Amino acid sequence: MDVVSINVRWCKGCGICVAFCPKKALSIENEKSKLDPEKCIACGLCELFCPDLAITMDASQKDANTGKE
């Protein structure tokens, strides 16, 4: 299961997520964001900055990154 999910219906391909990704795990293909799961470190910046709320992270991964239970 992927940690990061992109809702392609909501994604407008603006590229903001791509700009903020520290590992360059996101790209724009066919006017939509596309994730390379091999590069993704699940930092959550893409979800945080997506203006269309098209990117979500698995809730268990969010907890792992923040140290919260």
N, C-alpha and C. Protein backbone atom coordinates (compact mmCIF):
# COMPACT_ATOMS: atom_id res chain seq x y z
N MET A 1 0.83 -1.19 0.00
CA MET A 1 0.00 0.00 0.00
C MET A 1 0.87 1.24 0.00
N ASP A 2 0.54 2.21 -0.85
CA ASP A 2 1.28 3.46 -0.88
C ASP A 2 0.96 4.29 0.35
N VAL A 3 1.95 5.00 0.83
CA VAL A 3 1.79 5.88 1.97
C VAL A 3 1.07 7.15 1.53
N VAL A 4 1.39 7.64 0.35
CA VAL A 4 0.79 8.87 -0.19
C VAL A 4 -0.18 8.49 -1.30
N SER A 5 -1.38 9.08 -1.24
CA SER A 5 -2.39 8.86 -2.27
C SER A 5 -2.71 10.17 -2.97
N ILE A 6 -2.84 10.11 -4.27
CA ILE A 6 -3.20 11.30 -5.06
C ILE A 6 -4.55 11.05 -5.70
N ASN A 7 -5.51 11.92 -5.39
CA ASN A 7 -6.83 11.85 -5.99
C ASN A 7 -6.76 12.61 -7.32
N VAL A 8 -6.66 11.87 -8.42
CA VAL A 8 -6.48 12.51 -9.72
C VAL A 8 -7.70 13.30 -10.16
N ARG A 9 -8.83 13.03 -9.59
CA ARG A 9 -10.03 13.83 -9.92
C ARG A 9 -9.91 15.24 -9.36
N TRP A 10 -9.25 15.38 -8.23
CA TRP A 10 -9.12 16.69 -7.59
C TRP A 10 -7.85 17.42 -8.03
N CYS A 11 -6.83 16.67 -8.43
CA CYS A 11 -5.55 17.27 -8.80
C CYS A 11 -5.70 18.11 -10.07
N LYS A 12 -5.22 19.34 -9.99
CA LYS A 12 -5.27 20.24 -11.15
C LYS A 12 -3.93 20.35 -11.85
N GLY A 13 -2.92 19.63 -11.31
CA GLY A 13 -1.60 19.65 -11.95
C GLY A 13 -0.86 20.95 -11.79
N CYS A 14 -1.11 21.66 -10.69
CA CYS A 14 -0.49 22.98 -10.49
C CYS A 14 1.01 22.89 -10.22
N GLY A 15 1.48 21.76 -9.67
CA GLY A 15 2.90 21.57 -9.43
C GLY A 15 3.42 22.07 -8.10
N ILE A 16 2.55 22.56 -7.25
CA ILE A 16 3.00 23.04 -5.94
C ILE A 16 3.61 21.90 -5.13
N CYS A 17 3.00 20.74 -5.17
CA CYS A 17 3.54 19.58 -4.45
C CYS A 17 4.93 19.23 -4.96
N VAL A 18 5.12 19.31 -6.26
CA VAL A 18 6.40 19.00 -6.88
C VAL A 18 7.47 19.97 -6.36
N ALA A 19 7.12 21.24 -6.26
CA ALA A 19 8.07 22.25 -5.81
C ALA A 19 8.50 22.05 -4.36
N PHE A 20 7.61 21.55 -3.52
CA PHE A 20 7.93 21.40 -2.10
C PHE A 20 8.51 20.04 -1.74
N CYS A 21 8.49 19.08 -2.62
CA CYS A 21 8.99 17.74 -2.31
C CYS A 21 10.52 17.76 -2.20
N PRO A 22 11.05 17.47 -1.00
CA PRO A 22 12.51 17.53 -0.82
C PRO A 22 13.28 16.41 -1.53
N LYS A 23 12.61 15.34 -1.89
CA LYS A 23 13.27 14.20 -2.54
C LYS A 23 12.91 14.08 -4.01
N LYS A 24 12.19 15.06 -4.54
CA LYS A 24 11.78 15.05 -5.96
C LYS A 24 11.05 13.76 -6.32
N ALA A 25 10.17 13.33 -5.40
CA ALA A 25 9.40 12.10 -5.61
C ALA A 25 8.13 12.35 -6.41
N LEU A 26 7.80 13.60 -6.65
CA LEU A 26 6.59 13.94 -7.40
C LEU A 26 6.96 14.59 -8.72
N SER A 27 6.13 14.34 -9.70
CA SER A 27 6.28 14.96 -11.01
C SER A 27 4.89 15.21 -11.57
N ILE A 28 4.83 15.96 -12.65
CA ILE A 28 3.56 16.20 -13.34
C ILE A 28 3.59 15.42 -14.64
N GLU A 29 2.61 14.53 -14.79
CA GLU A 29 2.46 13.77 -16.03
C GLU A 29 1.00 13.82 -16.44
N ASN A 30 0.76 14.13 -17.69
CA ASN A 30 -0.61 14.25 -18.21
C ASN A 30 -1.44 15.20 -17.36
N GLU A 31 -0.82 16.31 -16.95
CA GLU A 31 -1.47 17.37 -16.19
C GLU A 31 -1.95 16.93 -14.81
N LYS A 32 -1.33 15.89 -14.24
CA LYS A 32 -1.66 15.40 -12.90
C LYS A 32 -0.37 15.07 -12.16
N SER A 33 -0.41 15.15 -10.83
CA SER A 33 0.74 14.77 -10.02
C SER A 33 0.92 13.26 -10.06
N LYS A 34 2.17 12.85 -10.11
CA LYS A 34 2.49 11.43 -10.09
C LYS A 34 3.60 11.21 -9.07
N LEU A 35 3.46 10.16 -8.26
CA LEU A 35 4.40 9.85 -7.20
C LEU A 35 5.33 8.72 -7.59
N ASP A 36 6.62 8.90 -7.28
CA ASP A 36 7.59 7.81 -7.39
C ASP A 36 7.79 7.29 -5.96
N PRO A 37 7.14 6.17 -5.60
CA PRO A 37 7.20 5.68 -4.23
C PRO A 37 8.59 5.29 -3.75
N GLU A 38 9.49 5.02 -4.69
CA GLU A 38 10.87 4.67 -4.32
C GLU A 38 11.62 5.87 -3.73
N LYS A 39 11.24 7.08 -4.14
CA LYS A 39 11.91 8.29 -3.65
C LYS A 39 11.20 8.92 -2.45
N CYS A 40 9.93 8.61 -2.27
CA CYS A 40 9.11 9.25 -1.24
C CYS A 40 9.58 8.86 0.16
N ILE A 41 9.74 9.88 1.04
CA ILE A 41 10.11 9.64 2.44
C ILE A 41 8.93 9.90 3.38
N ALA A 42 7.75 10.12 2.83
CA ALA A 42 6.52 10.33 3.60
C ALA A 42 6.64 11.48 4.59
N CYS A 43 7.23 12.58 4.13
CA CYS A 43 7.40 13.74 5.01
C CYS A 43 6.10 14.53 5.20
N GLY A 44 5.17 14.42 4.25
CA GLY A 44 3.88 15.07 4.36
C GLY A 44 3.81 16.48 3.79
N LEU A 45 4.90 16.99 3.24
CA LEU A 45 4.87 18.35 2.70
C LEU A 45 3.93 18.48 1.51
N CYS A 46 3.85 17.46 0.69
CA CYS A 46 2.95 17.52 -0.46
C CYS A 46 1.50 17.65 -0.01
N GLU A 47 1.13 16.88 0.99
CA GLU A 47 -0.24 16.96 1.52
C GLU A 47 -0.50 18.34 2.13
N LEU A 48 0.48 18.84 2.86
CA LEU A 48 0.33 20.12 3.53
C LEU A 48 0.12 21.28 2.55
N PHE A 49 0.86 21.27 1.44
CA PHE A 49 0.83 22.40 0.52
C PHE A 49 -0.14 22.26 -0.65
N CYS A 50 -0.75 21.09 -0.83
CA CYS A 50 -1.68 20.92 -1.96
C CYS A 50 -2.92 21.80 -1.75
N PRO A 51 -3.14 22.78 -2.62
CA PRO A 51 -4.28 23.68 -2.46
C PRO A 51 -5.63 23.03 -2.78
N ASP A 52 -5.58 21.89 -3.46
CA ASP A 52 -6.81 21.21 -3.86
C ASP A 52 -7.15 20.02 -2.97
N LEU A 53 -6.33 19.78 -1.94
CA LEU A 53 -6.52 18.66 -1.01
C LEU A 53 -6.56 17.32 -1.74
N ALA A 54 -5.81 17.25 -2.84
CA ALA A 54 -5.80 16.05 -3.66
C ALA A 54 -4.82 15.00 -3.16
N ILE A 55 -3.96 15.38 -2.22
CA ILE A 55 -2.95 14.46 -1.71
C ILE A 55 -3.23 14.15 -0.25
N THR A 56 -3.24 12.86 0.06
CA THR A 56 -3.44 12.44 1.44
C THR A 56 -2.38 11.41 1.80
N MET A 57 -2.09 11.35 3.10
CA MET A 57 -1.15 10.35 3.60
C MET A 57 -1.89 9.35 4.45
N ASP A 58 -1.42 8.12 4.45
CA ASP A 58 -1.95 7.07 5.32
C ASP A 58 -1.84 7.57 6.76
N ALA A 59 -2.91 7.48 7.52
CA ALA A 59 -2.95 8.00 8.89
C ALA A 59 -1.88 7.37 9.77
N SER A 60 -1.60 6.09 9.62
CA SER A 60 -0.58 5.45 10.45
C SER A 60 0.80 6.01 10.15
N GLN A 61 1.04 6.42 8.92
CA GLN A 61 2.33 7.00 8.57
C GLN A 61 2.47 8.40 9.16
N LYS A 62 1.37 9.15 9.21
CA LYS A 62 1.42 10.46 9.84
C LYS A 62 1.85 10.34 11.29
N ASP A 63 1.27 9.37 11.99
CA ASP A 63 1.63 9.16 13.38
C ASP A 63 3.08 8.76 13.53
N ALA A 64 3.58 7.96 12.63
CA ALA A 64 4.98 7.53 12.69
C ALA A 64 5.93 8.71 12.50
N ASN A 65 5.55 9.64 11.63
CA ASN A 65 6.40 10.80 11.37
C ASN A 65 6.39 11.80 12.50
N THR A 66 5.28 11.93 13.21
CA THR A 66 5.17 12.91 14.28
C THR A 66 5.52 12.34 15.64
N GLY A 67 5.57 11.02 15.73
CA GLY A 67 5.85 10.38 17.01
C GLY A 67 4.62 10.27 17.89
N LYS A 68 3.46 10.64 17.38
CA LYS A 68 2.22 10.57 18.16
C LYS A 68 1.61 9.19 18.02
N GLU A 69 0.92 8.77 19.05
CA GLU A 69 0.23 7.48 19.00
C GLU A 69 -1.25 7.65 18.84
